[in-house]
N, C-alpha and C. Protein backbone atom coordinates (compact mmCIF):
# COMPACT_ATOMS: atom_id res chain seq x y z
N UNK A 1 96.27 23.31 -67.07
CA UNK A 1 96.95 23.53 -68.46
C UNK A 1 96.15 24.34 -69.10
N UNK A 2 96.77 25.66 -70.15
CA UNK A 2 96.14 26.21 -71.07
C UNK A 2 96.05 25.19 -71.98
N UNK A 3 95.29 24.90 -73.19
CA UNK A 3 94.72 24.28 -74.18
C UNK A 3 94.68 25.26 -75.81
N UNK A 4 95.38 25.47 -76.44
CA UNK A 4 95.15 26.21 -77.68
C UNK A 4 94.86 25.59 -78.67
N UNK A 5 93.84 26.08 -79.75
CA UNK A 5 93.21 25.26 -80.46
C UNK A 5 94.02 25.91 -81.65
N UNK A 6 95.10 25.21 -82.17
CA UNK A 6 95.56 25.80 -83.90
C UNK A 6 95.27 25.66 -84.55
N UNK A 7 93.50 24.36 -84.75
CA UNK A 7 93.02 25.03 -86.31
C UNK A 7 92.01 25.51 -86.27
N UNK A 8 91.96 26.15 -85.52
CA UNK A 8 91.06 26.85 -85.43
C UNK A 8 89.34 26.52 -85.92
N UNK A 9 88.85 25.35 -85.41
CA UNK A 9 87.28 24.89 -85.17
C UNK A 9 87.25 24.65 -83.93
N UNK A 10 85.89 25.01 -84.22
CA UNK A 10 84.65 24.89 -83.09
C UNK A 10 84.87 23.77 -82.72
N UNK A 11 84.86 23.38 -81.01
CA UNK A 11 85.16 22.21 -80.49
C UNK A 11 83.67 22.03 -80.28
N UNK A 12 83.10 20.96 -80.28
CA UNK A 12 81.80 20.63 -80.41
C UNK A 12 81.45 20.65 -78.96
N UNK A 13 80.45 21.11 -78.03
CA UNK A 13 79.86 21.18 -76.84
C UNK A 13 79.50 19.35 -76.39
N UNK A 14 79.71 19.38 -75.67
CA UNK A 14 79.72 17.63 -74.72
C UNK A 14 77.89 17.91 -74.22
N UNK A 15 77.46 16.33 -75.10
CA UNK A 15 75.76 16.77 -75.07
C UNK A 15 75.67 15.70 -73.75
N UNK A 16 74.72 16.18 -72.83
CA UNK A 16 74.15 15.91 -71.46
C UNK A 16 73.53 14.79 -72.02
N UNK A 17 73.39 13.85 -70.30
CA UNK A 17 72.89 12.91 -70.72
C UNK A 17 71.10 12.78 -69.92
N UNK A 18 70.10 12.36 -70.70
CA UNK A 18 69.19 12.96 -70.12
C UNK A 18 68.58 11.87 -69.21
N UNK A 19 67.50 12.48 -68.16
CA UNK A 19 67.46 12.54 -66.57
C UNK A 19 66.63 11.30 -66.91
N UNK A 20 66.36 10.03 -66.37
CA UNK A 20 65.03 9.19 -66.25
C UNK A 20 64.13 9.65 -65.20
N UNK A 21 62.70 10.26 -65.29
CA UNK A 21 62.52 10.27 -64.57
C UNK A 21 60.82 9.47 -64.05
N UNK A 22 61.03 8.43 -65.30
CA UNK A 22 60.50 7.21 -64.73
C UNK A 22 60.14 6.64 -63.47
N UNK A 23 61.27 6.80 -63.00
CA UNK A 23 61.80 5.63 -62.10
C UNK A 23 61.32 6.74 -60.60
N UNK A 24 61.64 8.32 -60.57
CA UNK A 24 61.14 8.87 -59.44
C UNK A 24 59.76 8.95 -59.32
N UNK A 25 58.67 8.46 -60.23
CA UNK A 25 57.02 8.54 -60.07
C UNK A 25 56.62 8.23 -59.06
N UNK A 26 57.11 6.64 -59.12
CA UNK A 26 56.43 5.80 -58.00
C UNK A 26 56.76 6.50 -56.54
N UNK A 27 58.12 6.99 -56.51
CA UNK A 27 58.13 7.81 -55.20
C UNK A 27 57.21 9.29 -54.56
N UNK A 28 57.00 9.40 -56.15
CA UNK A 28 56.35 10.86 -55.56
C UNK A 28 55.18 10.51 -54.88
N UNK A 29 54.29 9.55 -55.98
CA UNK A 29 52.56 9.35 -55.54
C UNK A 29 52.82 8.17 -54.25
N UNK A 30 54.26 7.33 -53.48
CA UNK A 30 53.82 7.37 -52.38
C UNK A 30 53.87 7.97 -51.22
N UNK A 31 54.61 8.86 -51.54
CA UNK A 31 55.31 10.00 -50.21
C UNK A 31 53.96 10.74 -50.49
N UNK A 32 53.31 11.26 -51.63
CA UNK A 32 51.70 11.94 -51.48
C UNK A 32 51.04 10.53 -51.14
N UNK A 33 50.43 9.68 -51.43
CA UNK A 33 49.92 8.57 -50.36
C UNK A 33 50.12 9.00 -49.52
N UNK A 34 50.96 8.57 -48.79
CA UNK A 34 51.17 8.33 -47.18
C UNK A 34 51.02 9.77 -46.57
N UNK A 35 51.58 10.83 -47.10
CA UNK A 35 50.78 11.85 -46.19
C UNK A 35 49.09 12.02 -46.93
N UNK A 36 48.81 11.38 -47.30
CA UNK A 36 47.14 12.01 -47.63
C UNK A 36 46.44 10.40 -46.13
N UNK A 37 47.42 9.64 -46.43
CA UNK A 37 46.89 8.74 -45.59
C UNK A 37 46.76 9.40 -43.76
N UNK A 38 48.31 9.70 -43.87
CA UNK A 38 48.33 10.79 -42.66
C UNK A 38 47.55 11.92 -42.06
N UNK A 39 47.17 12.33 -42.79
CA UNK A 39 46.26 13.23 -42.55
C UNK A 39 44.44 12.94 -42.65
N UNK A 40 44.34 11.56 -43.62
CA UNK A 40 43.05 10.72 -43.16
C UNK A 40 42.97 10.49 -41.41
N UNK A 41 44.40 9.58 -41.21
CA UNK A 41 44.41 8.99 -39.90
C UNK A 41 44.17 9.93 -39.00
N UNK A 42 44.81 11.06 -38.89
CA UNK A 42 45.05 11.84 -38.10
C UNK A 42 43.89 13.14 -38.02
N UNK A 43 42.91 13.12 -38.77
CA UNK A 43 41.56 13.41 -39.21
C UNK A 43 40.42 12.23 -38.15
N UNK A 44 40.47 10.87 -38.52
CA UNK A 44 40.36 10.74 -37.66
C UNK A 44 39.68 9.86 -36.65
N UNK A 45 41.36 9.83 -36.35
CA UNK A 45 41.71 10.00 -34.49
C UNK A 45 41.07 11.02 -33.99
N UNK A 46 41.27 12.36 -34.43
CA UNK A 46 40.86 13.83 -33.45
C UNK A 46 38.94 13.48 -33.58
N UNK A 47 38.18 13.13 -34.39
CA UNK A 47 37.08 13.12 -34.81
C UNK A 47 36.32 11.50 -33.53
N UNK A 48 37.50 10.87 -33.34
CA UNK A 48 36.98 9.62 -32.71
C UNK A 48 37.56 10.11 -31.20
N UNK A 49 38.38 10.32 -31.04
CA UNK A 49 38.42 10.98 -30.29
C UNK A 49 37.62 12.30 -29.29
N UNK A 50 37.26 13.08 -30.31
CA UNK A 50 36.42 14.16 -29.52
C UNK A 50 34.83 13.31 -29.57
N UNK A 51 34.35 12.51 -29.85
CA UNK A 51 33.16 11.75 -30.02
C UNK A 51 33.34 10.74 -28.49
N UNK A 52 34.63 10.21 -28.49
CA UNK A 52 34.96 9.44 -26.78
C UNK A 52 34.67 10.24 -26.02
N UNK A 53 35.56 11.70 -25.93
CA UNK A 53 35.12 12.52 -24.65
C UNK A 53 33.53 13.32 -24.73
N UNK A 54 33.13 13.03 -25.97
CA UNK A 54 31.42 13.41 -25.17
C UNK A 54 30.64 12.28 -24.92
N UNK A 55 30.78 11.00 -25.15
CA UNK A 55 30.84 9.90 -24.83
C UNK A 55 30.68 9.85 -23.47
N UNK A 56 32.38 10.15 -22.78
CA UNK A 56 32.37 9.98 -21.51
C UNK A 56 31.88 10.91 -20.73
N UNK A 57 31.48 12.05 -21.26
CA UNK A 57 30.64 13.22 -20.42
C UNK A 57 29.56 13.00 -20.12
N UNK A 58 29.03 12.24 -21.25
CA UNK A 58 27.80 12.07 -20.97
C UNK A 58 27.24 10.75 -19.79
N UNK A 59 28.29 9.52 -20.05
CA UNK A 59 28.09 8.67 -18.71
C UNK A 59 28.16 9.43 -17.32
N UNK A 60 29.18 10.15 -17.18
CA UNK A 60 29.44 10.82 -15.94
C UNK A 60 28.04 11.68 -15.29
N UNK A 61 27.72 12.55 -16.64
CA UNK A 61 26.49 12.87 -16.07
C UNK A 61 25.39 11.85 -15.91
N UNK A 62 25.28 10.88 -16.78
CA UNK A 62 24.51 9.71 -16.23
C UNK A 62 24.46 8.95 -14.86
N UNK A 63 25.54 8.73 -14.81
CA UNK A 63 25.96 8.13 -13.45
C UNK A 63 25.44 9.44 -12.42
N UNK A 64 25.87 10.75 -12.53
CA UNK A 64 25.55 11.33 -11.46
C UNK A 64 24.39 11.81 -10.94
N UNK A 65 23.34 11.79 -12.14
CA UNK A 65 21.62 11.85 -12.08
C UNK A 65 21.45 10.35 -11.66
N UNK A 66 21.68 9.15 -12.11
CA UNK A 66 21.54 8.13 -11.21
C UNK A 66 21.87 7.97 -9.50
N UNK A 67 22.90 8.13 -9.45
CA UNK A 67 23.28 8.45 -8.30
C UNK A 67 22.26 9.55 -7.25
N UNK A 68 21.80 10.72 -8.16
CA UNK A 68 20.92 11.30 -7.05
C UNK A 68 19.39 10.65 -7.53
N UNK A 69 19.05 10.04 -8.66
CA UNK A 69 17.43 9.35 -8.34
C UNK A 69 17.67 8.21 -7.27
N UNK A 70 18.68 7.56 -6.99
CA UNK A 70 18.71 6.15 -5.87
C UNK A 70 18.66 7.25 -4.79
N UNK A 71 19.05 8.15 -4.21
CA UNK A 71 19.04 9.12 -3.42
C UNK A 71 17.40 9.57 -3.30
N UNK A 72 16.84 10.20 -4.66
CA UNK A 72 15.60 10.42 -3.80
C UNK A 72 14.80 9.29 -3.71
N UNK A 73 14.58 7.76 -4.29
CA UNK A 73 14.60 7.19 -3.97
C UNK A 73 14.03 6.13 -3.15
N UNK A 74 15.09 6.63 -1.58
CA UNK A 74 15.42 5.75 -0.65
C UNK A 74 14.75 6.81 -0.13
N UNK A 75 14.72 8.58 -0.28
CA UNK A 75 13.61 9.37 0.31
C UNK A 75 12.13 9.23 0.56
N UNK A 76 11.84 8.74 -0.70
CA UNK A 76 10.50 8.54 -0.94
C UNK A 76 9.95 6.99 0.05
N UNK A 77 10.57 6.30 -0.32
CA UNK A 77 10.83 5.18 0.58
C UNK A 77 10.74 5.07 1.94
N UNK A 78 11.64 5.93 2.10
CA UNK A 78 11.53 6.67 3.89
C UNK A 78 10.21 7.17 3.88
N UNK A 79 9.52 8.05 3.22
CA UNK A 79 8.55 9.02 3.31
C UNK A 79 7.41 8.01 3.14
N UNK A 80 7.66 7.24 2.35
CA UNK A 80 6.01 6.03 2.28
C UNK A 80 6.06 4.93 3.86
N UNK A 81 6.95 4.73 3.79
CA UNK A 81 7.26 4.13 5.07
C UNK A 81 6.80 4.71 6.78
N UNK A 82 7.06 5.74 6.51
CA UNK A 82 6.74 6.70 7.83
C UNK A 82 5.49 7.34 7.23
N UNK A 83 4.46 7.21 6.09
CA UNK A 83 3.17 7.45 5.82
C UNK A 83 2.28 6.22 6.60
N UNK A 84 2.94 4.96 6.40
CA UNK A 84 1.96 3.96 6.65
C UNK A 84 2.23 3.58 8.51
N UNK A 85 3.06 3.52 8.96
CA UNK A 85 3.23 4.05 10.12
C UNK A 85 2.39 5.08 11.04
N UNK A 86 2.64 6.35 10.41
CA UNK A 86 1.39 7.24 10.60
C UNK A 86 -0.01 6.94 10.83
N UNK A 87 -0.30 6.50 9.53
CA UNK A 87 -1.66 6.05 8.91
C UNK A 87 -2.20 4.97 10.01
N UNK A 88 -1.49 3.89 10.19
CA UNK A 88 -1.74 3.04 11.46
C UNK A 88 -1.72 3.60 12.41
N UNK A 89 -1.18 4.77 12.89
CA UNK A 89 -1.29 5.38 14.20
C UNK A 89 -3.01 5.75 14.37
N UNK A 90 -3.34 6.30 13.31
CA UNK A 90 -4.42 7.12 13.55
C UNK A 90 -5.45 6.65 13.49
N UNK A 91 -5.73 5.20 11.76
CA UNK A 91 -6.07 3.97 12.65
C UNK A 91 -6.67 4.05 13.60
N UNK A 92 -5.53 3.06 14.19
CA UNK A 92 -5.74 2.89 16.17
C UNK A 92 -6.48 3.62 16.67
N UNK A 93 -5.91 5.03 16.28
CA UNK A 93 -6.50 6.60 17.57
C UNK A 93 -8.10 6.28 16.91
N UNK A 94 -8.70 6.56 16.14
CA UNK A 94 -10.08 6.28 15.44
C UNK A 94 -10.69 5.34 15.78
N UNK A 95 -10.00 4.05 15.73
CA UNK A 95 -10.95 2.98 16.71
C UNK A 95 -10.93 2.70 18.01
N UNK A 96 -9.82 3.51 18.20
CA UNK A 96 -9.95 3.59 20.19
C UNK A 96 -11.07 4.64 20.97
N UNK A 97 -10.99 5.34 19.61
CA UNK A 97 -12.12 6.64 19.80
C UNK A 97 -13.52 5.90 19.61
N UNK A 98 -13.39 5.42 18.44
CA UNK A 98 -15.08 4.72 18.29
C UNK A 98 -15.29 3.88 19.47
N UNK A 99 -13.98 3.42 19.63
CA UNK A 99 -14.66 1.85 21.21
C UNK A 99 -15.04 2.48 22.39
N UNK A 100 -14.44 3.92 22.41
CA UNK A 100 -14.45 4.42 23.61
C UNK A 100 -16.05 5.41 24.10
N UNK A 101 -16.36 6.05 22.36
CA UNK A 101 -17.42 6.63 22.46
C UNK A 101 -18.55 5.93 22.52
N UNK A 102 -18.47 5.01 22.03
CA UNK A 102 -19.55 4.21 21.59
C UNK A 102 -19.73 2.41 22.78
N UNK A 103 -18.93 2.68 23.35
CA UNK A 103 -18.95 1.77 24.37
C UNK A 103 -20.09 1.95 25.49
N UNK A 104 -20.21 3.06 26.11
CA UNK A 104 -21.38 3.12 26.92
C UNK A 104 -22.89 3.37 26.17
N UNK A 105 -22.59 3.98 24.78
CA UNK A 105 -23.98 3.99 24.06
C UNK A 105 -23.90 2.21 24.08
N UNK A 106 -23.24 1.25 23.68
CA UNK A 106 -23.74 -0.15 23.41
C UNK A 106 -24.17 -0.92 24.47
N UNK A 107 -23.75 -0.53 25.79
CA UNK A 107 -24.22 -0.68 27.23
C UNK A 107 -25.62 -0.62 27.76
N UNK A 108 -25.74 0.95 26.98
CA UNK A 108 -27.18 0.98 27.47
C UNK A 108 -28.53 0.51 26.72
N UNK A 109 -27.57 0.29 25.60
CA UNK A 109 -28.54 -0.29 24.38
C UNK A 109 -29.00 -1.96 24.71
N UNK A 110 -28.15 -2.31 25.26
CA UNK A 110 -28.03 -4.12 25.52
C UNK A 110 -29.11 -3.73 26.73
N UNK A 111 -28.81 -2.80 27.98
CA UNK A 111 -29.69 -3.12 29.16
C UNK A 111 -30.98 -2.56 28.88
N UNK A 112 -31.38 -1.70 27.90
CA UNK A 112 -32.70 -0.91 27.57
C UNK A 112 -33.14 -2.46 26.81
N UNK A 113 -32.41 -3.48 26.39
CA UNK A 113 -33.23 -4.14 25.21
C UNK A 113 -33.55 -5.46 26.48
N UNK A 114 -32.23 -5.87 27.79
CA UNK A 114 -32.78 -6.51 28.47
C UNK A 114 -33.83 -6.71 28.99
N UNK A 115 -33.62 -5.30 29.81
CA UNK A 115 -34.87 -4.87 30.53
C UNK A 115 -36.33 -4.78 30.03
N UNK A 116 -36.62 -5.06 28.62
CA UNK A 116 -37.75 -5.59 28.28
C UNK A 116 -38.19 -6.82 27.72
N UNK A 117 -37.06 -7.68 28.02
CA UNK A 117 -37.68 -9.06 27.71
C UNK A 117 -37.70 -9.94 29.42
N UNK A 118 -38.49 -10.46 28.93
CA UNK A 118 -39.12 -10.69 30.66
C UNK A 118 -38.50 -12.21 30.70
N UNK A 119 -38.18 -12.36 32.50
CA UNK A 119 -37.91 -13.66 32.29
C UNK A 119 -36.28 -13.75 31.94
N UNK A 120 -35.51 -13.15 31.70
CA UNK A 120 -34.29 -13.20 31.00
C UNK A 120 -33.18 -12.07 31.53
N UNK A 121 -31.94 -13.11 31.52
CA UNK A 121 -30.79 -11.99 31.93
C UNK A 121 -29.40 -12.40 31.19
N UNK A 122 -28.24 -11.37 31.23
CA UNK A 122 -26.74 -12.05 30.67
C UNK A 122 -26.15 -12.11 31.58
N UNK A 123 -25.49 -13.22 31.03
CA UNK A 123 -24.53 -13.54 32.26
C UNK A 123 -22.60 -12.95 31.80
N UNK A 124 -22.55 -12.95 30.18
CA UNK A 124 -21.33 -12.40 29.69
C UNK A 124 -21.86 -12.03 28.38
N UNK A 125 -21.14 -11.01 27.99
CA UNK A 125 -21.35 -10.22 26.88
C UNK A 125 -19.43 -9.90 26.32
N UNK A 126 -19.24 -9.86 25.45
CA UNK A 126 -17.83 -9.81 24.87
C UNK A 126 -17.95 -9.08 23.15
N UNK A 127 -16.95 -7.94 22.76
CA UNK A 127 -17.49 -7.71 21.75
C UNK A 127 -16.08 -7.69 21.19
N UNK A 128 -15.76 -7.60 19.88
CA UNK A 128 -14.80 -7.81 18.72
C UNK A 128 -15.35 -7.09 17.90
N UNK A 129 -14.55 -5.58 17.40
CA UNK A 129 -15.19 -5.02 16.31
C UNK A 129 -16.21 -4.83 16.57
N UNK A 130 -16.83 -5.03 15.48
CA UNK A 130 -18.80 -4.72 15.65
C UNK A 130 -19.10 -6.25 16.20
N UNK A 131 -18.52 -7.17 16.38
CA UNK A 131 -19.33 -8.64 16.34
C UNK A 131 -19.48 -8.39 17.78
N UNK A 132 -20.77 -8.62 18.04
CA UNK A 132 -20.76 -8.79 19.75
C UNK A 132 -21.68 -10.50 19.87
N UNK A 133 -21.39 -10.76 20.64
CA UNK A 133 -21.88 -12.04 21.53
C UNK A 133 -22.15 -12.01 23.35
N UNK A 134 -23.22 -12.88 23.20
CA UNK A 134 -23.67 -12.20 24.21
C UNK A 134 -23.95 -13.74 24.66
N UNK A 135 -24.09 -14.27 25.87
CA UNK A 135 -24.47 -15.26 26.60
C UNK A 135 -25.37 -14.85 28.00
N UNK A 136 -26.06 -15.58 27.88
CA UNK A 136 -27.45 -15.15 28.68
C UNK A 136 -27.97 -16.68 29.38
N UNK A 137 -29.14 -16.44 30.16
CA UNK A 137 -30.38 -17.95 30.84
C UNK A 137 -31.86 -16.87 30.54
N UNK A 138 -32.56 -17.80 30.37
CA UNK A 138 -33.86 -17.05 30.50
C UNK A 138 -35.00 -18.68 30.85
N UNK A 139 -36.16 -18.18 31.18
CA UNK A 139 -37.18 -19.04 31.88
C UNK A 139 -38.02 -20.09 31.14
N UNK A 140 -38.16 -19.08 29.66
CA UNK A 140 -38.37 -20.02 28.43
C UNK A 140 -37.71 -19.82 27.19
N UNK A 141 -38.10 -20.36 26.12
CA UNK A 141 -37.79 -20.49 24.94
C UNK A 141 -38.07 -18.85 24.42
N UNK A 142 -39.53 -18.53 24.98
CA UNK A 142 -40.39 -17.75 24.26
C UNK A 142 -39.43 -16.55 24.58
N UNK A 143 -39.30 -16.67 26.01
CA UNK A 143 -38.66 -15.20 26.31
C UNK A 143 -36.74 -14.86 25.57
N UNK A 144 -36.20 -15.66 24.86
CA UNK A 144 -35.11 -15.52 24.05
C UNK A 144 -35.81 -15.11 23.01
N UNK A 145 -36.75 -15.83 22.49
CA UNK A 145 -37.45 -15.44 20.83
C UNK A 145 -37.55 -13.79 20.82
N UNK A 146 -38.33 -13.38 22.30
CA UNK A 146 -38.80 -11.67 22.37
C UNK A 146 -37.30 -11.34 22.05
N UNK A 147 -36.48 -10.97 23.11
CA UNK A 147 -34.95 -10.58 23.28
C UNK A 147 -34.47 -10.30 21.76
N UNK A 148 -34.16 -11.60 21.29
CA UNK A 148 -33.66 -11.44 19.50
C UNK A 148 -34.61 -10.29 18.53
N UNK A 149 -36.13 -10.35 18.91
CA UNK A 149 -36.93 -9.45 18.40
C UNK A 149 -36.48 -8.13 19.14
N UNK A 150 -36.21 -7.46 20.10
CA UNK A 150 -36.28 -6.82 20.74
C UNK A 150 -34.97 -6.24 20.07
N UNK A 151 -33.74 -6.56 20.06
CA UNK A 151 -32.57 -6.26 19.39
C UNK A 151 -32.73 -5.90 17.91
N UNK A 152 -33.35 -6.73 17.05
CA UNK A 152 -34.08 -6.42 16.12
C UNK A 152 -34.55 -5.19 16.06
N UNK A 153 -35.07 -4.41 16.68
CA UNK A 153 -36.51 -3.59 16.76
C UNK A 153 -35.55 -2.61 17.11
N UNK A 154 -34.16 -2.81 17.97
CA UNK A 154 -33.70 -1.58 18.40
C UNK A 154 -33.11 -0.19 17.20
N UNK A 155 -32.94 -0.96 16.29
CA UNK A 155 -31.95 -0.86 15.24
C UNK A 155 -30.77 -0.33 15.49
N UNK A 156 -30.10 -0.71 16.20
CA UNK A 156 -28.88 -0.44 16.76
C UNK A 156 -27.94 -1.96 16.43
N UNK A 157 -28.59 -2.65 16.52
CA UNK A 157 -27.81 -4.23 15.85
C UNK A 157 -28.88 -4.67 14.70
N UNK A 158 -28.06 -5.99 13.86
CA UNK A 158 -27.96 -6.45 12.43
C UNK A 158 -27.61 -7.34 12.59
N UNK A 159 -28.43 -8.44 11.82
CA UNK A 159 -27.80 -10.06 11.57
C UNK A 159 -27.60 -10.68 13.55
N UNK A 160 -28.56 -10.49 13.94
CA UNK A 160 -28.79 -11.08 14.88
C UNK A 160 -29.52 -12.42 14.79
N UNK A 161 -28.80 -13.83 15.36
CA UNK A 161 -28.74 -15.03 15.26
C UNK A 161 -28.63 -15.58 16.06
N UNK A 162 -29.20 -16.56 16.94
CA UNK A 162 -29.33 -17.04 18.03
C UNK A 162 -28.16 -18.77 17.27
N UNK A 163 -27.27 -18.94 18.64
CA UNK A 163 -25.91 -19.46 18.02
C UNK A 163 -26.15 -20.83 18.72
N UNK A 164 -26.77 -20.62 19.84
CA UNK A 164 -26.70 -22.40 20.92
C UNK A 164 -27.88 -21.99 21.73
N UNK A 165 -28.67 -22.80 21.90
CA UNK A 165 -29.73 -23.12 22.52
C UNK A 165 -30.31 -24.18 24.20
N UNK A 166 -29.87 -24.40 25.42
CA UNK A 166 -30.20 -25.77 25.65
C UNK A 166 -30.50 -25.67 27.16
N UNK A 167 -31.45 -26.40 28.06
CA UNK A 167 -31.95 -26.29 28.62
C UNK A 167 -30.39 -26.75 29.72
N UNK A 168 -31.05 -25.84 31.02
CA UNK A 168 -29.68 -26.09 32.02
C UNK A 168 -29.38 -27.36 33.17
N UNK A 169 -29.16 -28.20 33.09
CA UNK A 169 -29.32 -29.65 33.38
C UNK A 169 -29.23 -29.49 35.02
N UNK A 170 -28.25 -28.38 35.13
CA UNK A 170 -27.79 -27.70 36.61
C UNK A 170 -29.18 -27.23 37.52
N UNK A 171 -29.80 -26.65 36.82
CA UNK A 171 -31.02 -26.13 37.65
C UNK A 171 -32.51 -27.28 37.57
N UNK A 172 -32.59 -27.73 38.83
CA UNK A 172 -33.69 -28.72 39.05
C UNK A 172 -34.71 -28.21 39.34
N UNK A 173 -34.59 -27.52 40.18
CA UNK A 173 -36.20 -26.61 41.06
C UNK A 173 -36.82 -25.55 40.01
N UNK A 174 -35.74 -24.89 39.21
CA UNK A 174 -36.77 -23.99 38.08
C UNK A 174 -36.25 -24.41 36.57
N UNK A 175 -36.58 -24.29 35.60
CA UNK A 175 -36.50 -24.84 34.40
C UNK A 175 -35.76 -23.33 33.82
N UNK A 176 -34.67 -23.50 33.36
CA UNK A 176 -33.78 -22.36 32.82
C UNK A 176 -33.21 -22.55 31.90
N UNK A 177 -33.16 -21.69 30.41
CA UNK A 177 -32.70 -22.55 29.19
C UNK A 177 -31.01 -21.40 29.25
N UNK A 178 -30.16 -21.78 28.47
CA UNK A 178 -29.01 -21.04 28.67
C UNK A 178 -28.85 -20.68 27.21
N UNK A 179 -28.85 -19.63 26.52
CA UNK A 179 -28.42 -19.50 24.96
C UNK A 179 -27.38 -18.40 24.76
N UNK A 180 -26.66 -18.05 23.64
CA UNK A 180 -25.78 -17.08 22.86
C UNK A 180 -26.09 -16.94 21.77
N UNK A 181 -26.58 -15.62 21.63
CA UNK A 181 -26.38 -14.92 21.15
C UNK A 181 -25.64 -14.03 19.90
N UNK A 182 -25.82 -14.25 18.61
CA UNK A 182 -24.50 -13.20 17.75
C UNK A 182 -25.37 -12.13 17.04
N UNK A 183 -24.21 -10.78 17.48
CA UNK A 183 -25.44 -9.89 16.61
C UNK A 183 -24.11 -8.92 15.95
N UNK A 184 -24.32 -8.13 15.18
CA UNK A 184 -23.41 -7.09 14.58
C UNK A 184 -24.05 -5.58 14.58
N UNK A 185 -22.76 -4.74 15.10
CA UNK A 185 -23.57 -3.34 15.67
C UNK A 185 -23.62 -2.80 14.30
N UNK A 186 -24.83 -2.68 14.16
CA UNK A 186 -24.92 -1.68 12.68
C UNK A 186 -24.38 -0.44 12.51
N UNK A 187 -23.88 -0.38 10.95
CA UNK A 187 -22.66 1.08 10.89
C UNK A 187 -23.64 2.49 11.24
N UNK A 188 -23.17 3.98 11.86
CA UNK A 188 -23.93 4.57 12.21
C UNK A 188 -25.18 5.01 12.65
N UNK A 189 -25.02 3.46 14.02
CA UNK A 189 -25.98 4.12 14.41
C UNK A 189 -26.37 4.66 15.41
N UNK A 190 -27.46 5.05 15.47
CA UNK A 190 -27.92 5.90 16.70
C UNK A 190 -29.38 6.25 17.24
N UNK A 191 -29.75 7.23 17.97
CA UNK A 191 -31.33 6.34 18.88
C UNK A 191 -32.50 6.28 17.69
N UNK A 192 -33.44 4.99 17.66
CA UNK A 192 -34.15 4.94 17.03
C UNK A 192 -35.19 5.83 17.59
N UNK A 193 -36.38 5.82 16.27
CA UNK A 193 -37.75 5.78 16.77
C UNK A 193 -38.61 4.31 17.04
N UNK A 194 -39.33 4.09 18.39
CA UNK A 194 -39.58 2.43 18.15
C UNK A 194 -40.85 2.40 17.05
N UNK A 195 -40.87 1.02 16.85
CA UNK A 195 -41.67 1.06 15.64
C UNK A 195 -42.84 1.03 16.17
N UNK A 196 -43.92 1.25 15.23
CA UNK A 196 -45.16 1.31 15.78
C UNK A 196 -46.10 0.11 16.09
N UNK A 197 -46.74 0.13 17.49
CA UNK A 197 -47.28 -0.74 18.16
C UNK A 197 -46.10 -1.84 19.24
N UNK A 198 -45.21 -1.55 18.86
CA UNK A 198 -44.41 -1.56 19.67
C UNK A 198 -44.17 -1.50 21.56
N UNK A 199 -43.89 -2.09 22.59
CA UNK A 199 -43.93 -1.50 23.68
C UNK A 199 -43.12 -0.69 24.19
N UNK A 200 -43.23 0.37 24.78
CA UNK A 200 -42.26 1.18 25.56
C UNK A 200 -41.34 0.48 26.65
N UNK A 201 -40.15 1.30 26.10
CA UNK A 201 -38.90 0.67 27.19
C UNK A 201 -39.12 1.29 28.42
N UNK A 202 -39.41 -0.21 29.60
CA UNK A 202 -39.45 0.46 31.17
C UNK A 202 -37.99 1.27 31.44
N UNK A 203 -38.68 1.72 32.75
CA UNK A 203 -37.47 2.43 33.19
C UNK A 203 -36.20 1.36 34.22
N UNK A 204 -34.69 1.83 33.63
CA UNK A 204 -33.68 0.63 34.12
C UNK A 204 -34.16 0.53 35.16
N UNK A 205 -33.93 -0.74 35.93
CA UNK A 205 -34.30 -1.30 37.14
C UNK A 205 -35.48 -1.45 37.73
N UNK A 206 -36.43 -1.30 36.43
CA UNK A 206 -37.89 -2.15 37.29
C UNK A 206 -38.43 -2.69 36.33
N UNK A 207 -38.11 -3.82 36.10
CA UNK A 207 -38.42 -4.81 34.84
C UNK A 207 -39.62 -5.19 35.25
N UNK A 208 -40.94 -5.21 34.20
CA UNK A 208 -42.07 -5.48 34.34
C UNK A 208 -41.60 -7.40 34.70
N UNK A 209 -42.33 -7.98 35.67
CA UNK A 209 -42.70 -9.33 35.73
C UNK A 209 -44.06 -9.39 36.57
N UNK A 210 -44.42 -10.26 35.33
CA UNK A 210 -45.90 -10.49 36.17
C UNK A 210 -45.87 -10.89 37.31
N UNK A 211 -47.11 -11.17 38.23
CA UNK A 211 -47.28 -11.52 39.53
C UNK A 211 -47.30 -12.72 39.68
N UNK A 212 -47.87 -13.42 38.53
CA UNK A 212 -47.72 -15.27 38.49
C UNK A 212 -46.23 -15.76 38.19
N UNK A 213 -45.47 -14.75 37.77
CA UNK A 213 -44.03 -15.25 36.98
C UNK A 213 -42.83 -15.77 37.47
N UNK A 214 -42.46 -16.33 37.40
CA UNK A 214 -41.08 -17.37 38.51
C UNK A 214 -40.42 -15.20 38.90
N UNK A 215 -39.69 -15.33 39.66
CA UNK A 215 -38.73 -14.15 39.86
C UNK A 215 -37.34 -14.06 39.06
N UNK A 216 -37.55 -13.11 38.79
CA UNK A 216 -36.16 -12.68 37.59
C UNK A 216 -35.20 -12.76 38.21
N UNK A 217 -33.96 -13.67 37.78
CA UNK A 217 -33.07 -13.91 38.40
C UNK A 217 -31.60 -13.01 38.03
N UNK A 218 -30.70 -12.39 39.19
CA UNK A 218 -29.41 -11.68 38.62
C UNK A 218 -30.23 -9.86 39.09
């Protein structure tokens, strides 16, 4: 319906009610805080995720290195065992070579020394490493003493000691003494020059026996 103002007066305008903004500010602050918190949490999440990925990659790399080092360690242990076995074999071969080359020389030295001892003969001889044990018999203790002196003068033996010496009760007609002598083969032994005044060695097989002495046994 159309209304007509017959009075000719201006109709006052209706006043607007003021908007209350005080109630909206907390909502704005809360929303802003929530947004900032979400951004901060997102930043921390991605930072921690990046650090976690880096740590996992490093753990994976160190695990691979550990596996490789364990394999290398096993190889080194195998090489060490093989080296020990080879060293033992070489030592055994060297010892056999020394025994093989020194056996004849040892027999020659002992035979040469026995040939210079009067009324003395060996019954048995055993060698263990550089230790030598000789069992024998003699017509007198003086012959045993001369034999020990000859062993020392040869330069081939050291630490010559008499272990046992006794009279043989089984021999009733001829006085016989049984003896055991221990000696060590001197290292790096070789042909030696007889000491001044020493009696020259007689030819093997022709022992010097006085005419009035008992016949040499053996």
